[in-house]
Amino acid sequence: MKILLRTGLGLLAAVEVMLGLWTLVLPMSFYANVPTVDLTPPFSEHLFRDFGGATLGLAVVLAAAAICPERRLVVLALLAYMSFSAPHGVPPRAHAGRE
């Protein structure tokens, strides 16, 4: 069971590393190529670089939990991941005045 937990945490960390690096290094590419992200103009390079850095921080916590799967660290990492990802499951609302 522990190997499954470590593998899952490692995969989540890897996805967040890729997402974080993409957003941090190529923020305009992220803005232009991820569906619904461009629904929140105007583009702010600073905002997207901050998002990339925060995403890498989440990846560090997930990786730490994968390396040392102590219960408190795993729970903390998964709660952090859930609080980050849960809002993405809510469909975007239409913005007034936008077509």
PDB file of N, CA and C in Angstrom:
ATOM      1  N   MET A   1       0.822  -1.196   0.000  1.00  0.00           N
ATOM      2  CA  MET A   1       0.000   0.000   0.000  1.00  0.00           C
ATOM      3  C   MET A   1       0.865   1.258   0.000  1.00  0.00           C
ATOM      4  N   LYS A   2       1.967   1.205   0.754  1.00  0.00           N
ATOM      5  CA  LYS A   2       2.833   2.377   0.834  1.00  0.00           C
ATOM      6  C   LYS A   2       3.447   2.714  -0.527  1.00  0.00           C
ATOM      7  N   ILE A   3       3.766   1.684  -1.326  1.00  0.00           N
ATOM      8  CA  ILE A   3       4.348   1.922  -2.649  1.00  0.00           C
ATOM      9  C   ILE A   3       3.335   2.628  -3.556  1.00  0.00           C
ATOM     10  N   LEU A   4       2.052   2.261  -3.437  1.00  0.00           N
ATOM     11  CA  LEU A   4       1.003   2.913  -4.217  1.00  0.00           C
ATOM     12  C   LEU A   4       0.864   4.378  -3.804  1.00  0.00           C
ATOM     13  N   LEU A   5       0.888   4.636  -2.510  1.00  0.00           N
ATOM     14  CA  LEU A   5       0.806   5.997  -2.001  1.00  0.00           C
ATOM     15  C   LEU A   5       1.989   6.835  -2.492  1.00  0.00           C
ATOM     16  N   ARG A   6       3.179   6.281  -2.371  1.00  0.00           N
ATOM     17  CA  ARG A   6       4.379   7.010  -2.808  1.00  0.00           C
ATOM     18  C   ARG A   6       4.355   7.284  -4.310  1.00  0.00           C
ATOM     19  N   THR A   7       3.910   6.297  -5.071  1.00  0.00           N
ATOM     20  CA  THR A   7       3.825   6.466  -6.521  1.00  0.00           C
ATOM     21  C   THR A   7       2.824   7.560  -6.884  1.00  0.00           C
ATOM     22  N   GLY A   8       1.663   7.527  -6.251  1.00  0.00           N
ATOM     23  CA  GLY A   8       0.638   8.546  -6.506  1.00  0.00           C
ATOM     24  C   GLY A   8       1.122   9.944  -6.156  1.00  0.00           C
ATOM     25  N   LEU A   9       1.735  10.074  -4.998  1.00  0.00           N
ATOM     26  CA  LEU A   9       2.271  11.380  -4.596  1.00  0.00           C
ATOM     27  C   LEU A   9       3.367  11.837  -5.555  1.00  0.00           C
ATOM     28  N   GLY A  10       4.207  10.902  -5.978  1.00  0.00           N
ATOM     29  CA  GLY A  10       5.261  11.241  -6.925  1.00  0.00           C
ATOM     30  C   GLY A  10       4.703  11.707  -8.264  1.00  0.00           C
ATOM     31  N   LEU A  11       3.659  11.044  -8.730  1.00  0.00           N
ATOM     32  CA  LEU A  11       3.030  11.459  -9.991  1.00  0.00           C
ATOM     33  C   LEU A  11       2.394  12.843  -9.873  1.00  0.00           C
ATOM     34  N   LEU A  12       1.704  13.088  -8.762  1.00  0.00           N
ATOM     35  CA  LEU A  12       1.134  14.423  -8.549  1.00  0.00           C
ATOM     36  C   LEU A  12       2.237  15.476  -8.512  1.00  0.00           C
ATOM     37  N   ALA A  13       3.329  15.177  -7.838  1.00  0.00           N
ATOM     38  CA  ALA A  13       4.447  16.117  -7.766  1.00  0.00           C
ATOM     39  C   ALA A  13       5.020  16.378  -9.154  1.00  0.00           C
ATOM     40  N   ALA A  14       5.170  15.331  -9.959  1.00  0.00           N
ATOM     41  CA  ALA A  14       5.732  15.488 -11.305  1.00  0.00           C
ATOM     42  C   ALA A  14       4.846  16.373 -12.177  1.00  0.00           C
ATOM     43  N   VAL A  15       3.544  16.170 -12.086  1.00  0.00           N
ATOM     44  CA  VAL A  15       2.616  17.008 -12.863  1.00  0.00           C
ATOM     45  C   VAL A  15       2.743  18.467 -12.419  1.00  0.00           C
ATOM     46  N   GLU A  16       2.817  18.688 -11.122  1.00  0.00           N
ATOM     47  CA  GLU A  16       2.913  20.064 -10.626  1.00  0.00           C
ATOM     48  C   GLU A  16       4.253  20.707 -10.997  1.00  0.00           C
ATOM     49  N   VAL A  17       5.320  19.919 -11.035  1.00  0.00           N
ATOM     50  CA  VAL A  17       6.617  20.454 -11.476  1.00  0.00           C
ATOM     51  C   VAL A  17       6.512  20.921 -12.924  1.00  0.00           C
ATOM     52  N   MET A  18       5.936  20.084 -13.776  1.00  0.00           N
ATOM     53  CA  MET A  18       5.810  20.458 -15.190  1.00  0.00           C
ATOM     54  C   MET A  18       4.932  21.693 -15.357  1.00  0.00           C
ATOM     55  N   LEU A  19       3.800  21.720 -14.676  1.00  0.00           N
ATOM     56  CA  LEU A  19       2.894  22.869 -14.749  1.00  0.00           C
ATOM     57  C   LEU A  19       3.566  24.124 -14.200  1.00  0.00           C
ATOM     58  N   GLY A  20       4.223  23.981 -13.068  1.00  0.00           N
ATOM     59  CA  GLY A  20       4.886  25.131 -12.447  1.00  0.00           C
ATOM     60  C   GLY A  20       6.006  25.688 -13.300  1.00  0.00           C
ATOM     61  N   LEU A  21       6.825  24.814 -13.866  1.00  0.00           N
ATOM     62  CA  LEU A  21       7.916  25.285 -14.727  1.00  0.00           C
ATOM     63  C   LEU A  21       7.383  25.954 -15.984  1.00  0.00           C
ATOM     64  N   TRP A  22       6.351  25.362 -16.584  1.00  0.00           N
ATOM     65  CA  TRP A  22       5.747  25.953 -17.779  1.00  0.00           C
ATOM     66  C   TRP A  22       5.244  27.364 -17.475  1.00  0.00           C
ATOM     67  N   THR A  23       4.509  27.505 -16.381  1.00  0.00           N
ATOM     68  CA  THR A  23       3.939  28.794 -16.026  1.00  0.00           C
ATOM     69  C   THR A  23       5.017  29.799 -15.622  1.00  0.00           C
ATOM     70  N   LEU A  24       6.031  29.346 -14.943  1.00  0.00           N
ATOM     71  CA  LEU A  24       7.098  30.227 -14.483  1.00  0.00           C
ATOM     72  C   LEU A  24       8.005  30.685 -15.626  1.00  0.00           C
ATOM     73  N   VAL A  25       8.360  29.753 -16.516  1.00  0.00           N
ATOM     74  CA  VAL A  25       9.322  30.059 -17.573  1.00  0.00           C
ATOM     75  C   VAL A  25       8.653  30.641 -18.821  1.00  0.00           C
ATOM     76  N   LEU A  26       7.471  30.140 -19.171  1.00  0.00           N
ATOM     77  CA  LEU A  26       6.765  30.590 -20.378  1.00  0.00           C
ATOM     78  C   LEU A  26       5.333  31.005 -20.048  1.00  0.00           C
ATOM     79  N   PRO A  27       5.157  32.069 -19.264  1.00  0.00           N
ATOM     80  CA  PRO A  27       3.810  32.432 -18.809  1.00  0.00           C
ATOM     81  C   PRO A  27       2.837  32.757 -19.948  1.00  0.00           C
ATOM     82  N   MET A  28       3.309  33.401 -21.015  1.00  0.00           N
ATOM     83  CA  MET A  28       2.409  33.740 -22.116  1.00  0.00           C
ATOM     84  C   MET A  28       1.942  32.479 -22.843  1.00  0.00           C
ATOM     85  N   SER A  29       2.817  31.490 -22.970  1.00  0.00           N
ATOM     86  CA  SER A  29       2.425  30.220 -23.588  1.00  0.00           C
ATOM     87  C   SER A  29       1.347  29.531 -22.758  1.00  0.00           C
ATOM     88  N   PHE A  30       1.509  29.533 -21.452  1.00  0.00           N
ATOM     89  CA  PHE A  30       0.499  28.943 -20.569  1.00  0.00           C
ATOM     90  C   PHE A  30      -0.834  29.664 -20.750  1.00  0.00           C
ATOM     91  N   TYR A  31      -0.787  30.996 -20.755  1.00  0.00           N
ATOM     92  CA  TYR A  31      -1.996  31.821 -20.899  1.00  0.00           C
ATOM     93  C   TYR A  31      -2.695  31.528 -22.226  1.00  0.00           C
ATOM     94  N   ALA A  32      -1.933  31.380 -23.285  1.00  0.00           N
ATOM     95  CA  ALA A  32      -2.500  31.205 -24.615  1.00  0.00           C
ATOM     96  C   ALA A  32      -2.968  29.781 -24.901  1.00  0.00           C
ATOM     97  N   ASN A  33      -2.413  28.790 -24.224  1.00  0.00           N
ATOM     98  CA  ASN A  33      -2.667  27.403 -24.599  1.00  0.00           C
ATOM     99  C   ASN A  33      -3.498  26.577 -23.631  1.00  0.00           C
ATOM    100  N   VAL A  34      -3.770  27.077 -22.447  1.00  0.00           N
ATOM    101  CA  VAL A  34      -4.585  26.312 -21.499  1.00  0.00           C
ATOM    102  C   VAL A  34      -6.026  26.819 -21.589  1.00  0.00           C
ATOM    103  N   PRO A  35      -6.966  25.916 -21.904  1.00  0.00           N
ATOM    104  CA  PRO A  35      -8.362  26.344 -22.053  1.00  0.00           C
ATOM    105  C   PRO A  35      -8.887  27.056 -20.808  1.00  0.00           C
ATOM    106  N   THR A  36      -9.643  28.064 -21.011  1.00  0.00           N
ATOM    107  CA  THR A  36     -10.318  28.924 -20.023  1.00  0.00           C
ATOM    108  C   THR A  36      -9.392  29.906 -19.315  1.00  0.00           C
ATOM    109  N   VAL A  37      -8.085  29.728 -19.380  1.00  0.00           N
ATOM    110  CA  VAL A  37      -7.200  30.673 -18.695  1.00  0.00           C
ATOM    111  C   VAL A  37      -7.314  32.054 -19.331  1.00  0.00           C
ATOM    112  N   ASP A  38      -7.461  32.102 -20.654  1.00  0.00           N
ATOM    113  CA  ASP A  38      -7.563  33.395 -21.319  1.00  0.00           C
ATOM    114  C   ASP A  38      -8.925  34.064 -21.118  1.00  0.00           C
ATOM    115  N   LEU A  39      -9.826  33.430 -20.353  1.00  0.00           N
ATOM    116  CA  LEU A  39     -11.100  34.064 -20.015  1.00  0.00           C
ATOM    117  C   LEU A  39     -10.938  35.106 -18.915  1.00  0.00           C
ATOM    118  N   THR A  40      -9.727  35.220 -18.385  1.00  0.00           N
ATOM    119  CA  THR A  40      -9.480  36.149 -17.288  1.00  0.00           C
ATOM    120  C   THR A  40      -8.459  37.220 -17.680  1.00  0.00           C
ATOM    121  N   PRO A  41      -8.731  37.964 -18.780  1.00  0.00           N
ATOM    122  CA  PRO A  41      -7.758  38.990 -19.166  1.00  0.00           C
ATOM    123  C   PRO A  41      -7.751  40.123 -18.164  1.00  0.00           C
ATOM    124  N   PRO A  42      -6.827  41.017 -18.201  1.00  0.00           N
ATOM    125  CA  PRO A  42      -5.701  41.031 -19.119  1.00  0.00           C
ATOM    126  C   PRO A  42      -4.580  40.115 -18.618  1.00  0.00           C
ATOM    127  N   PHE A  43      -3.704  39.724 -19.541  1.00  0.00           N
ATOM    128  CA  PHE A  43      -2.557  38.893 -19.194  1.00  0.00           C
ATOM    129  C   PHE A  43      -1.646  39.655 -18.246  1.00  0.00           C
ATOM    130  N   SER A  44      -1.210  38.992 -17.195  1.00  0.00           N
ATOM    131  CA  SER A  44      -0.270  39.572 -16.236  1.00  0.00           C
ATOM    132  C   SER A  44       0.893  38.609 -16.059  1.00  0.00           C
ATOM    133  N   GLU A  45       2.038  38.962 -16.620  1.00  0.00           N
ATOM    134  CA  GLU A  45       3.204  38.092 -16.502  1.00  0.00           C
ATOM    135  C   GLU A  45       3.566  37.858 -15.042  1.00  0.00           C
ATOM    136  N   HIS A  46       3.496  38.909 -14.237  1.00  0.00           N
ATOM    137  CA  HIS A  46       3.831  38.784 -12.818  1.00  0.00           C
ATOM    138  C   HIS A  46       2.917  37.763 -12.138  1.00  0.00           C
ATOM    139  N   LEU A  47       1.628  37.862 -12.396  1.00  0.00           N
ATOM    140  CA  LEU A  47       0.664  36.935 -11.791  1.00  0.00           C
ATOM    141  C   LEU A  47       0.963  35.490 -12.191  1.00  0.00           C
ATOM    142  N   PHE A  48       1.244  35.268 -13.463  1.00  0.00           N
ATOM    143  CA  PHE A  48       1.482  33.899 -13.916  1.00  0.00           C
ATOM    144  C   PHE A  48       2.808  33.359 -13.396  1.00  0.00           C
ATOM    145  N   ARG A  49       3.815  34.197 -13.277  1.00  0.00           N
ATOM    146  CA  ARG A  49       5.080  33.735 -12.700  1.00  0.00           C
ATOM    147  C   ARG A  49       4.889  33.399 -11.212  1.00  0.00           C
ATOM    148  N   ASP A  50       4.103  34.202 -10.501  1.00  0.00           N
ATOM    149  CA  ASP A  50       3.791  33.884  -9.104  1.00  0.00           C
ATOM    150  C   ASP A  50       3.046  32.554  -9.002  1.00  0.00           C
ATOM    151  N   PHE A  51       2.095  32.342  -9.893  1.00  0.00           N
ATOM    152  CA  PHE A  51       1.346  31.084  -9.913  1.00  0.00           C
ATOM    153  C   PHE A  51       2.293  29.905 -10.162  1.00  0.00           C
ATOM    154  N   GLY A  52       3.227  30.082 -11.083  1.00  0.00           N
ATOM    155  CA  GLY A  52       4.207  29.034 -11.358  1.00  0.00           C
ATOM    156  C   GLY A  52       5.060  28.721 -10.141  1.00  0.00           C
ATOM    157  N   GLY A  53       5.494  29.754  -9.436  1.00  0.00           N
ATOM    158  CA  GLY A  53       6.290  29.543  -8.228  1.00  0.00           C
ATOM    159  C   GLY A  53       5.496  28.839  -7.138  1.00  0.00           C
ATOM    160  N   ALA A  54       4.244  29.233  -6.971  1.00  0.00           N
ATOM    161  CA  ALA A  54       3.397  28.582  -5.970  1.00  0.00           C
ATOM    162  C   ALA A  54       3.147  27.117  -6.333  1.00  0.00           C
ATOM    163  N   THR A  55       2.973  26.846  -7.608  1.00  0.00           N
ATOM    164  CA  THR A  55       2.767  25.483  -8.065  1.00  0.00           C
ATOM    165  C   THR A  55       4.009  24.633  -7.797  1.00  0.00           C
ATOM    166  N   LEU A  56       5.180  25.206  -8.009  1.00  0.00           N
ATOM    167  CA  LEU A  56       6.416  24.480  -7.683  1.00  0.00           C
ATOM    168  C   LEU A  56       6.513  24.233  -6.183  1.00  0.00           C
ATOM    169  N   GLY A  57       6.058  25.180  -5.374  1.00  0.00           N
ATOM    170  CA  GLY A  57       6.029  24.969  -3.924  1.00  0.00           C
ATOM    171  C   GLY A  57       5.138  23.797  -3.546  1.00  0.00           C
ATOM    172  N   LEU A  58       3.992  23.685  -4.193  1.00  0.00           N
ATOM    173  CA  LEU A  58       3.103  22.551  -3.955  1.00  0.00           C
ATOM    174  C   LEU A  58       3.792  21.252  -4.365  1.00  0.00           C
ATOM    175  N   ALA A  59       4.523  21.292  -5.475  1.00  0.00           N
ATOM    176  CA  ALA A  59       5.255  20.104  -5.935  1.00  0.00           C
ATOM    177  C   ALA A  59       6.293  19.669  -4.900  1.00  0.00           C
ATOM    178  N   VAL A  60       6.945  20.621  -4.248  1.00  0.00           N
ATOM    179  CA  VAL A  60       7.938  20.301  -3.222  1.00  0.00           C
ATOM    180  C   VAL A  60       7.278  19.561  -2.058  1.00  0.00           C
ATOM    181  N   VAL A  61       6.114  20.041  -1.626  1.00  0.00           N
ATOM    182  CA  VAL A  61       5.408  19.392  -0.512  1.00  0.00           C
ATOM    183  C   VAL A  61       4.961  17.982  -0.901  1.00  0.00           C
ATOM    184  N   LEU A  62       4.444  17.827  -2.115  1.00  0.00           N
ATOM    185  CA  LEU A  62       4.032  16.504  -2.582  1.00  0.00           C
ATOM    186  C   LEU A  62       5.229  15.558  -2.695  1.00  0.00           C
ATOM    187  N   ALA A  63       6.336  16.064  -3.214  1.00  0.00           N
ATOM    188  CA  ALA A  63       7.541  15.232  -3.341  1.00  0.00           C
ATOM    189  C   ALA A  63       8.080  14.834  -1.966  1.00  0.00           C
ATOM    190  N   ALA A  64       8.050  15.763  -1.016  1.00  0.00           N
ATOM    191  CA  ALA A  64       8.512  15.447   0.340  1.00  0.00           C
ATOM    192  C   ALA A  64       7.660  14.337   0.948  1.00  0.00           C
ATOM    193  N   ALA A  65       6.348  14.401   0.717  1.00  0.00           N
ATOM    194  CA  ALA A  65       5.458  13.363   1.239  1.00  0.00           C
ATOM    195  C   ALA A  65       5.708  12.027   0.541  1.00  0.00           C
ATOM    196  N   ALA A  66       6.068  12.059  -0.737  1.00  0.00           N
ATOM    197  CA  ALA A  66       6.377  10.820  -1.461  1.00  0.00           C
ATOM    198  C   ALA A  66       7.671  10.199  -0.949  1.00  0.00           C
ATOM    199  N   ILE A  67       8.646  11.037  -0.640  1.00  0.00           N
ATOM    200  CA  ILE A  67       9.943  10.548  -0.168  1.00  0.00           C
ATOM    201  C   ILE A  67       9.856  10.046   1.267  1.00  0.00           C
ATOM    202  N   CYS A  68       9.130  10.778   2.094  1.00  0.00           N
ATOM    203  CA  CYS A  68       8.986  10.431   3.512  1.00  0.00           C
ATOM    204  C   CYS A  68       7.496  10.380   3.844  1.00  0.00           C
ATOM    205  N   PRO A  69       6.826   9.266   3.559  1.00  0.00           N
ATOM    206  CA  PRO A  69       5.374   9.214   3.705  1.00  0.00           C
ATOM    207  C   PRO A  69       4.883   9.089   5.150  1.00  0.00           C
ATOM    208  N   GLU A  70       5.311  10.012   5.969  1.00  0.00           N
ATOM    209  CA  GLU A  70       4.822  10.079   7.352  1.00  0.00           C
ATOM    210  C   GLU A  70       3.396  10.643   7.305  1.00  0.00           C
ATOM    211  N   ARG A  71       2.517  10.092   8.105  1.00  0.00           N
ATOM    212  CA  ARG A  71       1.081  10.391   8.019  1.00  0.00           C
ATOM    213  C   ARG A  71       0.771  11.890   7.996  1.00  0.00           C
ATOM    214  N   ARG A  72       1.311  12.659   8.901  1.00  0.00           N
ATOM    215  CA  ARG A  72       0.999  14.096   8.951  1.00  0.00           C
ATOM    216  C   ARG A  72       1.423  14.808   7.670  1.00  0.00           C
ATOM    217  N   LEU A  73       2.585  14.468   7.153  1.00  0.00           N
ATOM    218  CA  LEU A  73       3.079  15.102   5.935  1.00  0.00           C
ATOM    219  C   LEU A  73       2.218  14.726   4.735  1.00  0.00           C
ATOM    220  N   VAL A  74       1.813  13.464   4.650  1.00  0.00           N
ATOM    221  CA  VAL A  74       0.953  13.024   3.550  1.00  0.00           C
ATOM    222  C   VAL A  74      -0.395  13.734   3.615  1.00  0.00           C
ATOM    223  N   VAL A  75      -0.989  13.797   4.794  1.00  0.00           N
ATOM    224  CA  VAL A  75      -2.283  14.476   4.946  1.00  0.00           C
ATOM    225  C   VAL A  75      -2.145  15.947   4.577  1.00  0.00           C
ATOM    226  N   LEU A  76      -1.102  16.607   5.058  1.00  0.00           N
ATOM    227  CA  LEU A  76      -0.878  18.015   4.737  1.00  0.00           C
ATOM    228  C   LEU A  76      -0.708  18.214   3.229  1.00  0.00           C
ATOM    229  N   ALA A  77       0.099  17.370   2.590  1.00  0.00           N
ATOM    230  CA  ALA A  77       0.335  17.496   1.149  1.00  0.00           C
ATOM    231  C   ALA A  77      -0.952  17.294   0.365  1.00  0.00           C
ATOM    232  N   LEU A  78      -1.741  16.294   0.742  1.00  0.00           N
ATOM    233  CA  LEU A  78      -2.982  16.035   0.017  1.00  0.00           C
ATOM    234  C   LEU A  78      -4.025  17.115   0.269  1.00  0.00           C
ATOM    235  N   LEU A  79      -4.080  17.651   1.472  1.00  0.00           N
ATOM    236  CA  LEU A  79      -4.987  18.782   1.735  1.00  0.00           C
ATOM    237  C   LEU A  79      -4.578  20.011   0.928  1.00  0.00           C
ATOM    238  N   ALA A  80      -3.288  20.269   0.841  1.00  0.00           N
ATOM    239  CA  ALA A  80      -2.799  21.396   0.030  1.00  0.00           C
ATOM    240  C   ALA A  80      -3.170  21.186  -1.434  1.00  0.00           C
ATOM    241  N   TYR A  81      -2.969  19.970  -1.926  1.00  0.00           N
ATOM    242  CA  TYR A  81      -3.296  19.675  -3.321  1.00  0.00           C
ATOM    243  C   TYR A  81      -4.798  19.809  -3.571  1.00  0.00           C
ATOM    244  N   MET A  82      -5.610  19.302  -2.651  1.00  0.00           N
ATOM    245  CA  MET A  82      -7.062  19.404  -2.811  1.00  0.00           C
ATOM    246  C   MET A  82      -7.531  20.846  -2.780  1.00  0.00           C
ATOM    247  N   SER A  83      -6.964  21.660  -1.903  1.00  0.00           N
ATOM    248  CA  SER A  83      -7.387  23.062  -1.838  1.00  0.00           C
ATOM    249  C   SER A  83      -6.976  23.822  -3.095  1.00  0.00           C
ATOM    250  N   PHE A  84      -5.897  23.383  -3.733  1.00  0.00           N
ATOM    251  CA  PHE A  84      -5.443  23.986  -4.976  1.00  0.00           C
ATOM    252  C   PHE A  84      -6.294  23.518  -6.161  1.00  0.00           C
ATOM    253  N   SER A  85      -6.616  22.240  -6.211  1.00  0.00           N
ATOM    254  CA  SER A  85      -7.256  21.677  -7.398  1.00  0.00           C
ATOM    255  C   SER A  85      -8.785  21.689  -7.364  1.00  0.00           C
ATOM    256  N   ALA A  86      -9.392  21.692  -6.205  1.00  0.00           N
ATOM    257  CA  ALA A  86     -10.858  21.627  -6.117  1.00  0.00           C
ATOM    258  C   ALA A  86     -11.556  22.751  -6.877  1.00  0.00           C
ATOM    259  N   PRO A  87     -11.107  23.994  -6.777  1.00  0.00           N
ATOM    260  CA  PRO A  87     -11.796  25.052  -7.528  1.00  0.00           C
ATOM    261  C   PRO A  87     -11.756  24.842  -9.045  1.00  0.00           C
ATOM    262  N   HIS A  88     -10.800  24.067  -9.545  1.00  0.00           N
ATOM    263  CA  HIS A  88     -10.719  23.827 -10.977  1.00  0.00           C
ATOM    264  C   HIS A  88     -11.829  22.909 -11.467  1.00  0.00           C
ATOM    265  N   GLY A  89     -12.502  22.242 -10.561  1.00  0.00           N
ATOM    266  CA  GLY A  89     -13.617  21.384 -10.926  1.00  0.00           C
ATOM    267  C   GLY A  89     -14.927  22.131 -11.090  1.00  0.00           C
ATOM    268  N   VAL A  90     -14.949  23.399 -10.725  1.00  0.00           N
ATOM    269  CA  VAL A  90     -16.147  24.226 -10.849  1.00  0.00           C
ATOM    270  C   VAL A  90     -16.131  24.882 -12.225  1.00  0.00           C
ATOM    271  N   PRO A  91     -17.209  24.726 -13.007  1.00  0.00           N
ATOM    272  CA  PRO A  91     -17.215  25.316 -14.338  1.00  0.00           C
ATOM    273  C   PRO A  91     -17.133  26.855 -14.272  1.00  0.00           C
ATOM    274  N   PRO A  92     -16.437  27.469 -15.233  1.00  0.00           N
ATOM    275  CA  PRO A  92     -16.331  28.925 -15.219  1.00  0.00           C
ATOM    276  C   PRO A  92     -17.687  29.563 -15.506  1.00  0.00           C
ATOM    277  N   ARG A  93     -17.923  30.703 -14.872  1.00  0.00           N
ATOM    278  CA  ARG A  93     -19.149  31.446 -15.113  1.00  0.00           C
ATOM    279  C   ARG A  93     -18.942  32.383 -16.291  1.00  0.00           C
ATOM    280  N   ALA A  94     -20.010  32.676 -16.989  1.00  0.00           N
ATOM    281  CA  ALA A  94     -19.932  33.634 -18.084  1.00  0.00           C
ATOM    282  C   ALA A  94     -19.715  35.024 -17.489  1.00  0.00           C
ATOM    283  N   HIS A  95     -18.850  35.792 -18.105  1.00  0.00           N
ATOM    284  CA  HIS A  95     -18.575  37.145 -17.637  1.00  0.00           C
ATOM    285  C   HIS A  95     -19.516  38.124 -18.324  1.00  0.00           C
ATOM    286  N   ALA A  96     -20.057  39.041 -17.574  1.00  0.00           N
ATOM    287  CA  ALA A  96     -20.963  40.043 -18.134  1.00  0.00           C
ATOM    288  C   ALA A  96     -20.234  40.880 -19.177  1.00  0.00           C
ATOM    289  N   GLY A  97     -20.864  41.078 -20.299  1.00  0.00           N
ATOM    290  CA  GLY A  97     -20.290  41.944 -21.330  1.00  0.00           C
ATOM    291  C   GLY A  97     -19.263  41.262 -22.214  1.00  0.00           C
ATOM    292  N   ARG A  98     -19.068  39.967 -22.034  1.00  0.00           N
ATOM    293  CA  ARG A  98     -18.063  39.227 -22.833  1.00  0.00           C
ATOM    294  C   ARG A  98     -18.796  38.254 -23.743  1.00  0.00           C
ATOM    295  N   GLU A  99     -18.251  38.054 -24.903  1.00  0.00           N
ATOM    296  CA  GLU A  99     -18.865  37.087 -25.829  1.00  0.00           C
ATOM    297  C   GLU A  99     -17.924  35.981 -26.114  1.00  0.00           C
TER     298      GLU A  99
END
